[in-house]
N, C-alpha and C. Protein backbone atom coordinates (compact mmCIF):
# COMPACT_ATOMS: atom_id res chain seq x y z
N MET A 1 -148.45 -7.73 -66.52
CA MET A 1 -148.74 -6.93 -65.27
C MET A 1 -147.68 -5.94 -64.93
N SER A 2 -146.37 -6.36 -65.23
CA SER A 2 -145.29 -5.44 -64.86
C SER A 2 -145.33 -4.11 -65.70
N GLU A 3 -145.76 -4.24 -66.92
CA GLU A 3 -145.86 -2.97 -67.78
C GLU A 3 -146.87 -2.10 -67.17
N THR A 4 -148.05 -2.55 -66.74
CA THR A 4 -149.02 -1.72 -66.11
C THR A 4 -148.47 -1.13 -64.81
N GLN A 5 -147.78 -1.88 -64.01
CA GLN A 5 -147.23 -1.38 -62.73
C GLN A 5 -146.18 -0.26 -62.99
N PHE A 6 -145.36 -0.48 -64.07
CA PHE A 6 -144.36 0.50 -64.46
C PHE A 6 -145.03 1.81 -64.88
N THR A 7 -146.09 1.78 -65.68
CA THR A 7 -146.73 2.90 -66.12
C THR A 7 -147.38 3.62 -64.97
N GLU A 8 -148.00 2.86 -64.12
CA GLU A 8 -148.65 3.54 -62.95
C GLU A 8 -147.73 4.22 -62.03
N LEU A 9 -146.55 3.54 -61.73
CA LEU A 9 -145.57 4.12 -60.89
C LEU A 9 -144.93 5.43 -61.49
N MET A 10 -144.68 5.33 -62.85
CA MET A 10 -144.10 6.52 -63.46
C MET A 10 -145.12 7.66 -63.63
N GLU A 11 -146.36 7.32 -63.76
CA GLU A 11 -147.44 8.29 -63.77
C GLU A 11 -147.45 9.10 -62.36
N THR A 12 -147.30 8.29 -61.33
CA THR A 12 -147.30 8.91 -59.93
C THR A 12 -146.07 9.87 -59.85
N ILE A 13 -144.96 9.36 -60.29
CA ILE A 13 -143.76 10.28 -60.18
C ILE A 13 -143.80 11.47 -61.01
N ALA A 14 -144.20 11.15 -62.30
CA ALA A 14 -144.23 12.36 -63.32
C ALA A 14 -145.21 13.43 -62.87
N THR A 15 -146.32 13.05 -62.27
CA THR A 15 -147.32 14.03 -61.80
C THR A 15 -146.68 14.96 -60.88
N GLN A 16 -145.76 14.54 -59.99
CA GLN A 16 -145.18 15.40 -59.00
C GLN A 16 -144.03 16.24 -59.61
N LEU A 17 -143.59 15.87 -60.80
CA LEU A 17 -142.56 16.66 -61.46
C LEU A 17 -143.00 17.68 -62.45
N SER A 18 -144.23 17.49 -62.91
CA SER A 18 -144.87 18.28 -63.98
C SER A 18 -144.85 19.74 -63.66
N GLY A 19 -144.26 20.53 -64.53
CA GLY A 19 -144.21 21.97 -64.41
C GLY A 19 -143.16 22.51 -63.48
N LYS A 20 -142.33 21.66 -62.86
CA LYS A 20 -141.32 22.12 -61.98
C LYS A 20 -139.98 22.36 -62.77
N PRO A 21 -139.25 23.36 -62.34
CA PRO A 21 -137.97 23.66 -63.04
C PRO A 21 -137.00 22.43 -62.86
N LEU A 22 -136.29 22.20 -63.91
CA LEU A 22 -135.19 21.14 -63.78
C LEU A 22 -133.96 21.73 -63.23
N ASP A 23 -133.78 21.51 -61.90
CA ASP A 23 -132.67 22.09 -61.21
C ASP A 23 -132.29 21.25 -60.01
N ALA A 24 -131.37 21.71 -59.22
CA ALA A 24 -130.80 20.98 -58.10
C ALA A 24 -131.91 20.69 -57.05
N ALA A 25 -132.85 21.59 -56.89
CA ALA A 25 -133.93 21.37 -55.94
C ALA A 25 -134.76 20.19 -56.29
N LEU A 26 -135.00 20.06 -57.66
CA LEU A 26 -135.77 18.85 -58.08
C LEU A 26 -134.99 17.55 -57.88
N GLU A 27 -133.67 17.59 -58.18
CA GLU A 27 -132.83 16.42 -57.93
C GLU A 27 -132.86 16.09 -56.43
N ASP A 28 -132.74 17.07 -55.50
CA ASP A 28 -132.75 16.73 -54.13
C ASP A 28 -134.13 16.13 -53.70
N PHE A 29 -135.22 16.69 -54.26
CA PHE A 29 -136.60 16.16 -53.98
C PHE A 29 -136.67 14.70 -54.39
N LEU A 30 -136.25 14.38 -55.62
CA LEU A 30 -136.31 12.97 -56.04
C LEU A 30 -135.45 12.05 -55.25
N ASN A 31 -134.25 12.48 -54.78
CA ASN A 31 -133.44 11.60 -54.06
C ASN A 31 -133.88 11.46 -52.62
N LYS A 32 -134.63 12.42 -52.08
CA LYS A 32 -135.23 12.28 -50.86
C LYS A 32 -136.48 11.42 -50.81
N LYS A 33 -137.40 11.71 -51.79
CA LYS A 33 -138.71 11.07 -51.74
C LYS A 33 -138.68 9.68 -52.43
N TYR A 34 -137.79 9.50 -53.44
CA TYR A 34 -137.70 8.34 -54.26
C TYR A 34 -136.35 7.83 -54.33
N GLY A 35 -135.53 8.05 -53.37
CA GLY A 35 -134.08 7.60 -53.37
C GLY A 35 -133.93 6.12 -53.41
N VAL A 36 -132.63 5.72 -53.55
CA VAL A 36 -132.29 4.33 -53.79
C VAL A 36 -132.78 3.38 -52.75
N ASP A 37 -133.00 3.83 -51.56
CA ASP A 37 -133.53 2.90 -50.47
C ASP A 37 -135.06 2.89 -50.38
N SER A 38 -135.70 3.69 -51.27
CA SER A 38 -137.11 3.77 -51.14
C SER A 38 -137.85 2.57 -51.78
N VAL A 39 -139.00 2.24 -51.40
CA VAL A 39 -139.80 1.17 -51.97
C VAL A 39 -139.99 1.54 -53.47
N GLU A 40 -140.27 2.73 -53.80
CA GLU A 40 -140.57 3.02 -55.20
C GLU A 40 -139.31 2.79 -56.12
N PHE A 41 -138.14 3.23 -55.68
CA PHE A 41 -136.94 3.13 -56.46
C PHE A 41 -136.64 1.59 -56.66
N GLN A 42 -136.77 0.78 -55.55
CA GLN A 42 -136.58 -0.63 -55.64
C GLN A 42 -137.54 -1.24 -56.63
N GLN A 43 -138.81 -0.84 -56.55
CA GLN A 43 -139.84 -1.40 -57.40
C GLN A 43 -139.51 -0.95 -58.90
N LEU A 44 -139.12 0.24 -59.11
CA LEU A 44 -138.82 0.71 -60.47
C LEU A 44 -137.66 -0.02 -61.09
N SER A 45 -136.69 -0.33 -60.21
CA SER A 45 -135.50 -1.09 -60.66
C SER A 45 -135.94 -2.48 -61.04
N GLN A 46 -136.77 -3.09 -60.28
CA GLN A 46 -137.20 -4.48 -60.58
C GLN A 46 -138.15 -4.45 -61.80
N LEU A 47 -138.96 -3.48 -61.95
CA LEU A 47 -139.86 -3.43 -63.14
C LEU A 47 -139.04 -3.25 -64.41
N CYS A 48 -137.95 -2.53 -64.33
CA CYS A 48 -137.10 -2.39 -65.53
C CYS A 48 -136.41 -3.78 -65.95
N ILE A 49 -136.04 -4.50 -64.87
CA ILE A 49 -135.44 -5.85 -65.14
C ILE A 49 -136.48 -6.75 -65.76
N GLU A 50 -137.73 -6.72 -65.21
CA GLU A 50 -138.84 -7.55 -65.76
C GLU A 50 -139.22 -7.09 -67.14
N GLY A 51 -139.24 -5.72 -67.35
CA GLY A 51 -139.57 -5.23 -68.72
C GLY A 51 -138.60 -5.63 -69.76
N GLU A 52 -137.34 -5.65 -69.41
CA GLU A 52 -136.28 -6.06 -70.32
C GLU A 52 -136.48 -7.55 -70.69
N ALA A 53 -136.67 -8.35 -69.64
CA ALA A 53 -136.83 -9.84 -69.85
C ALA A 53 -138.09 -10.14 -70.68
N GLU A 54 -139.12 -9.33 -70.42
CA GLU A 54 -140.41 -9.58 -71.06
C GLU A 54 -140.49 -9.05 -72.55
N GLY A 55 -139.52 -8.09 -72.82
CA GLY A 55 -139.45 -7.53 -74.17
C GLY A 55 -140.18 -6.22 -74.39
N TRP A 56 -140.87 -5.70 -73.41
CA TRP A 56 -141.59 -4.43 -73.59
C TRP A 56 -140.75 -3.17 -73.28
N LEU A 57 -139.54 -3.38 -72.69
CA LEU A 57 -138.59 -2.33 -72.47
C LEU A 57 -137.28 -2.63 -73.27
N MET A 58 -136.71 -1.66 -73.71
CA MET A 58 -135.30 -1.83 -74.38
C MET A 58 -135.31 -2.85 -75.47
N SER A 59 -136.22 -2.70 -76.36
CA SER A 59 -136.34 -3.73 -77.52
C SER A 59 -135.42 -3.49 -78.64
N ARG A 60 -134.63 -2.34 -78.60
CA ARG A 60 -133.64 -2.05 -79.66
C ARG A 60 -132.22 -2.09 -79.11
N GLU A 61 -131.31 -2.18 -79.98
CA GLU A 61 -129.85 -2.08 -79.52
C GLU A 61 -129.01 -1.58 -80.65
N ALA A 62 -128.09 -0.65 -80.21
CA ALA A 62 -127.10 -0.09 -81.21
C ALA A 62 -125.89 0.32 -80.38
N GLY A 63 -124.73 0.13 -80.83
CA GLY A 63 -123.47 0.60 -80.25
C GLY A 63 -123.28 0.13 -78.85
N GLY A 64 -123.77 -1.08 -78.51
CA GLY A 64 -123.66 -1.62 -77.14
C GLY A 64 -124.59 -1.09 -76.20
N VAL A 65 -125.58 -0.38 -76.60
CA VAL A 65 -126.63 0.18 -75.72
C VAL A 65 -128.03 -0.40 -76.12
N LYS A 66 -128.59 -1.02 -75.14
CA LYS A 66 -130.06 -1.45 -75.38
C LYS A 66 -130.90 -0.22 -75.02
N TYR A 67 -131.97 0.00 -75.80
CA TYR A 67 -132.80 1.26 -75.49
C TYR A 67 -134.25 1.06 -75.96
N GLY A 68 -135.04 1.98 -75.49
CA GLY A 68 -136.48 1.96 -75.98
C GLY A 68 -137.23 2.98 -75.24
N ARG A 69 -138.25 3.52 -75.88
CA ARG A 69 -139.16 4.47 -75.29
C ARG A 69 -140.33 3.70 -74.81
N ALA A 70 -140.54 3.80 -73.45
CA ALA A 70 -141.61 3.14 -72.81
C ALA A 70 -142.88 3.96 -72.76
N VAL A 71 -142.79 5.25 -72.75
CA VAL A 71 -144.01 6.13 -72.66
C VAL A 71 -143.71 7.33 -73.47
N LYS A 72 -144.73 7.62 -74.33
CA LYS A 72 -144.65 8.84 -75.18
C LYS A 72 -145.13 10.03 -74.34
N PRO A 73 -144.60 11.30 -74.71
CA PRO A 73 -145.12 12.47 -73.97
C PRO A 73 -146.64 12.74 -74.19
N ASP A 74 -147.12 13.42 -73.19
CA ASP A 74 -148.57 13.76 -73.17
C ASP A 74 -149.54 12.58 -73.17
N THR A 75 -149.03 11.47 -72.48
CA THR A 75 -149.90 10.32 -72.32
C THR A 75 -149.99 10.13 -70.83
N THR A 76 -149.51 8.98 -70.34
CA THR A 76 -149.67 8.69 -68.92
C THR A 76 -148.67 9.36 -67.96
N ALA A 77 -147.62 9.97 -68.53
CA ALA A 77 -146.58 10.64 -67.73
C ALA A 77 -146.57 12.11 -67.94
N LYS A 78 -147.71 12.70 -68.07
CA LYS A 78 -147.83 14.19 -68.21
C LYS A 78 -147.08 14.54 -69.51
N GLU A 79 -146.27 15.58 -69.49
CA GLU A 79 -145.58 16.11 -70.64
C GLU A 79 -144.31 15.35 -71.01
N PHE A 80 -143.95 14.35 -70.17
CA PHE A 80 -142.66 13.62 -70.31
C PHE A 80 -142.78 12.35 -71.17
N SER A 81 -141.70 12.14 -71.85
CA SER A 81 -141.46 10.82 -72.42
C SER A 81 -140.68 10.07 -71.43
N ILE A 82 -140.71 8.69 -71.47
CA ILE A 82 -139.87 7.96 -70.57
C ILE A 82 -139.18 6.90 -71.41
N ASP A 83 -137.87 6.96 -71.30
CA ASP A 83 -136.98 6.01 -72.03
C ASP A 83 -136.19 5.19 -70.98
N VAL A 84 -135.78 4.00 -71.30
CA VAL A 84 -134.89 3.22 -70.46
C VAL A 84 -133.83 2.61 -71.35
N VAL A 85 -132.57 2.73 -70.88
CA VAL A 85 -131.42 2.12 -71.60
C VAL A 85 -130.71 1.24 -70.64
N ARG A 86 -129.98 0.29 -71.27
CA ARG A 86 -129.08 -0.54 -70.40
C ARG A 86 -127.70 -0.34 -71.08
N MET A 87 -126.77 0.01 -70.20
CA MET A 87 -125.41 0.32 -70.62
C MET A 87 -124.40 -0.41 -69.69
N LYS A 88 -123.35 -0.92 -70.25
CA LYS A 88 -122.36 -1.60 -69.46
C LYS A 88 -120.97 -1.10 -70.17
N ASP A 89 -120.27 -0.37 -69.29
CA ASP A 89 -118.96 0.09 -69.67
C ASP A 89 -118.91 0.62 -71.10
N VAL A 90 -119.73 1.58 -71.43
CA VAL A 90 -119.92 2.08 -72.70
C VAL A 90 -120.11 3.56 -72.74
N LYS A 91 -119.79 4.22 -73.85
CA LYS A 91 -120.04 5.67 -74.06
C LYS A 91 -121.07 5.72 -75.19
N GLY A 92 -122.22 6.31 -74.86
CA GLY A 92 -123.30 6.47 -75.80
C GLY A 92 -123.14 7.74 -76.74
N PRO A 93 -124.18 7.89 -77.65
CA PRO A 93 -124.07 8.96 -78.60
C PRO A 93 -124.29 10.35 -77.98
N HIS A 94 -123.53 11.29 -78.45
CA HIS A 94 -123.66 12.70 -77.94
C HIS A 94 -125.03 13.30 -78.33
N HIS A 95 -125.60 13.90 -77.26
CA HIS A 95 -126.92 14.55 -77.54
C HIS A 95 -127.02 15.79 -76.65
N ILE A 96 -128.03 16.59 -77.02
CA ILE A 96 -128.42 17.82 -76.29
C ILE A 96 -129.79 17.63 -75.63
N HIS A 97 -129.96 17.96 -74.38
CA HIS A 97 -131.21 17.91 -73.64
C HIS A 97 -131.87 19.31 -73.86
N THR A 98 -132.60 19.46 -75.01
CA THR A 98 -133.07 20.73 -75.39
C THR A 98 -134.04 21.34 -74.25
N THR A 99 -134.74 20.43 -73.59
CA THR A 99 -135.60 20.90 -72.58
C THR A 99 -135.32 20.31 -71.20
N GLY A 100 -134.11 19.63 -71.12
CA GLY A 100 -133.64 19.02 -69.89
C GLY A 100 -133.87 17.54 -69.87
N GLU A 101 -133.42 16.93 -68.74
CA GLU A 101 -133.55 15.49 -68.58
C GLU A 101 -133.60 15.22 -67.08
N ILE A 102 -134.42 14.24 -66.67
CA ILE A 102 -134.48 13.79 -65.32
C ILE A 102 -134.28 12.28 -65.39
N GLY A 103 -133.25 11.73 -64.64
CA GLY A 103 -133.01 10.34 -64.80
C GLY A 103 -132.75 9.57 -63.50
N ALA A 104 -132.88 8.29 -63.63
CA ALA A 104 -132.62 7.35 -62.42
C ALA A 104 -131.54 6.36 -62.89
N ILE A 105 -130.50 6.20 -62.08
CA ILE A 105 -129.44 5.24 -62.36
C ILE A 105 -129.71 4.07 -61.44
N MET A 106 -129.82 2.91 -62.09
CA MET A 106 -130.21 1.65 -61.35
C MET A 106 -129.21 0.57 -61.62
N PRO A 107 -128.22 0.32 -60.70
CA PRO A 107 -127.16 -0.61 -60.99
C PRO A 107 -127.67 -2.06 -61.13
N LEU A 108 -127.01 -2.83 -61.96
CA LEU A 108 -127.30 -4.21 -62.24
C LEU A 108 -126.21 -5.09 -61.81
N GLU A 109 -124.96 -4.67 -62.12
CA GLU A 109 -123.77 -5.49 -61.85
C GLU A 109 -122.58 -4.58 -61.64
N GLY A 110 -121.74 -4.91 -60.73
CA GLY A 110 -120.53 -4.07 -60.46
C GLY A 110 -120.98 -2.86 -59.62
N THR A 111 -120.26 -1.78 -59.88
CA THR A 111 -120.54 -0.54 -59.23
C THR A 111 -120.52 0.57 -60.27
N PRO A 112 -121.58 0.50 -61.10
CA PRO A 112 -121.65 1.43 -62.30
C PRO A 112 -121.76 2.86 -61.93
N LEU A 113 -121.07 3.68 -62.72
CA LEU A 113 -121.24 5.14 -62.59
C LEU A 113 -121.76 5.63 -63.92
N PHE A 114 -122.84 6.45 -63.85
CA PHE A 114 -123.37 7.08 -65.11
C PHE A 114 -122.85 8.57 -65.07
N ASP A 115 -122.00 8.86 -65.96
CA ASP A 115 -121.42 10.21 -66.02
C ASP A 115 -120.75 10.56 -64.77
N GLY A 116 -120.17 9.59 -64.13
CA GLY A 116 -119.44 9.76 -62.91
C GLY A 116 -120.35 9.66 -61.66
N ARG A 117 -121.67 9.37 -61.80
CA ARG A 117 -122.60 9.38 -60.65
C ARG A 117 -123.06 7.98 -60.38
N GLY A 118 -123.23 7.68 -59.09
CA GLY A 118 -123.73 6.33 -58.66
C GLY A 118 -125.26 6.33 -58.72
N ALA A 119 -125.76 5.24 -58.09
CA ALA A 119 -127.15 5.04 -58.09
C ALA A 119 -127.92 6.21 -57.51
N GLY A 120 -129.10 6.47 -58.09
CA GLY A 120 -129.98 7.52 -57.66
C GLY A 120 -130.48 8.34 -58.88
N TRP A 121 -131.03 9.49 -58.45
CA TRP A 121 -131.69 10.44 -59.44
C TRP A 121 -130.68 11.58 -59.81
N TYR A 122 -130.80 12.01 -61.00
CA TYR A 122 -130.06 13.19 -61.49
C TYR A 122 -131.03 14.15 -62.29
N VAL A 123 -130.60 15.35 -62.41
CA VAL A 123 -131.40 16.30 -63.18
C VAL A 123 -130.39 17.12 -64.05
N TYR A 124 -130.62 17.08 -65.29
CA TYR A 124 -129.81 17.93 -66.24
C TYR A 124 -130.64 19.11 -66.75
N LYS A 125 -130.19 20.31 -66.71
CA LYS A 125 -130.91 21.45 -67.06
C LYS A 125 -131.16 21.49 -68.57
N PRO A 126 -132.10 22.37 -69.04
CA PRO A 126 -132.31 22.53 -70.43
C PRO A 126 -131.06 23.08 -71.11
N GLY A 127 -130.74 22.58 -72.29
CA GLY A 127 -129.56 22.94 -73.02
C GLY A 127 -128.32 22.17 -72.68
N SER A 128 -128.30 21.37 -71.68
CA SER A 128 -127.09 20.57 -71.32
C SER A 128 -126.86 19.48 -72.36
N ASP A 129 -125.68 18.97 -72.40
CA ASP A 129 -125.37 17.96 -73.44
C ASP A 129 -124.27 17.09 -72.82
N HIS A 130 -124.18 15.94 -73.45
CA HIS A 130 -123.12 14.90 -73.01
C HIS A 130 -123.08 13.69 -73.96
N HIS A 131 -122.09 12.92 -73.72
CA HIS A 131 -122.00 11.52 -74.22
C HIS A 131 -122.38 10.72 -73.01
N PRO A 132 -123.51 10.13 -72.87
CA PRO A 132 -123.88 9.35 -71.74
C PRO A 132 -122.86 8.17 -71.62
N THR A 133 -122.35 8.10 -70.44
CA THR A 133 -121.27 7.10 -70.26
C THR A 133 -121.48 6.22 -68.97
N VAL A 134 -121.46 4.97 -69.06
CA VAL A 134 -121.48 4.12 -67.84
C VAL A 134 -120.12 3.40 -67.85
N SER A 135 -119.45 3.51 -66.61
CA SER A 135 -118.27 2.84 -66.32
C SER A 135 -118.35 2.09 -65.08
N GLY A 136 -117.59 1.00 -64.85
CA GLY A 136 -117.52 0.27 -63.72
C GLY A 136 -118.62 -0.75 -63.49
N GLY A 137 -119.36 -1.02 -64.54
CA GLY A 137 -120.36 -2.02 -64.30
C GLY A 137 -121.56 -1.82 -65.44
N ASP A 138 -122.64 -2.41 -65.02
CA ASP A 138 -123.82 -2.56 -65.90
C ASP A 138 -125.03 -1.85 -65.15
N ALA A 139 -125.79 -1.03 -65.88
CA ALA A 139 -126.90 -0.32 -65.31
C ALA A 139 -128.03 -0.08 -66.23
N HIS A 140 -129.27 0.00 -65.64
CA HIS A 140 -130.32 0.53 -66.32
C HIS A 140 -130.36 2.02 -65.99
N VAL A 141 -130.64 2.87 -67.00
CA VAL A 141 -130.75 4.27 -66.78
C VAL A 141 -132.16 4.71 -67.34
N LEU A 142 -133.04 5.15 -66.53
CA LEU A 142 -134.38 5.58 -66.97
C LEU A 142 -134.35 7.02 -66.98
N TYR A 143 -134.86 7.64 -68.05
CA TYR A 143 -134.91 9.10 -68.13
C TYR A 143 -136.20 9.65 -68.70
N LEU A 144 -136.62 10.74 -68.12
CA LEU A 144 -137.79 11.47 -68.56
C LEU A 144 -137.35 12.78 -69.35
N LEU A 145 -137.93 13.02 -70.52
CA LEU A 145 -137.64 14.12 -71.28
C LEU A 145 -138.87 14.90 -71.42
N PRO A 146 -138.76 16.18 -70.93
CA PRO A 146 -139.96 17.07 -71.16
C PRO A 146 -140.26 17.18 -72.66
N ASN A 147 -141.47 16.99 -73.02
CA ASN A 147 -141.99 16.96 -74.37
C ASN A 147 -141.27 15.93 -75.29
N GLY A 148 -140.61 15.01 -74.68
CA GLY A 148 -139.89 13.97 -75.45
C GLY A 148 -138.71 14.55 -76.26
N SER A 149 -138.26 15.75 -75.84
CA SER A 149 -137.23 16.47 -76.71
C SER A 149 -135.80 16.08 -76.46
N ILE A 150 -135.10 15.59 -77.41
CA ILE A 150 -133.67 15.28 -77.36
C ILE A 150 -133.07 15.50 -78.83
N GLU A 151 -131.90 15.97 -78.87
CA GLU A 151 -131.30 16.24 -80.16
C GLU A 151 -129.92 15.52 -80.22
N PHE A 152 -129.93 14.48 -81.08
CA PHE A 152 -128.57 13.74 -81.26
C PHE A 152 -127.77 14.50 -82.21
N THR A 153 -126.47 14.73 -81.94
CA THR A 153 -125.60 15.58 -82.73
C THR A 153 -124.64 14.86 -83.71
N GLY A 154 -124.47 13.61 -83.48
CA GLY A 154 -123.55 12.88 -84.38
C GLY A 154 -122.06 13.12 -83.99
N LYS A 155 -121.86 13.88 -82.92
CA LYS A 155 -120.34 14.12 -82.51
C LYS A 155 -119.74 12.89 -81.98
């Protein structure tokens, strides 16, 4: 049941993001409409916990990061793929967001910061890059990639 609820909730959110530029205005929209105190954000966080426990989310692990693709692009979440990772005080592999990235940081334990940011939504523009890093605790990070596009660099 939780997998269906997850897919339906992400379809609702993705529909509102489809075709919009990945910029500060989109980040503001997400944090106002689906911010950490919203019913949807709390539901999304709980569904990620359930999905991990049930094994349909984050079924792989490497380098201290649990990860997995929950939704492929051009299916239920419009042009977006949806991935979820679990990170605890770890630096992940360097990659480039060739078409951008939209993400949600959902704390599990401690006061985790993802790339220095606390709980809530973030938007990275096309062409941005980083080593995703969680410090200060444990978190789920859900991210949407336009067209499922991401380029790992090996740096």
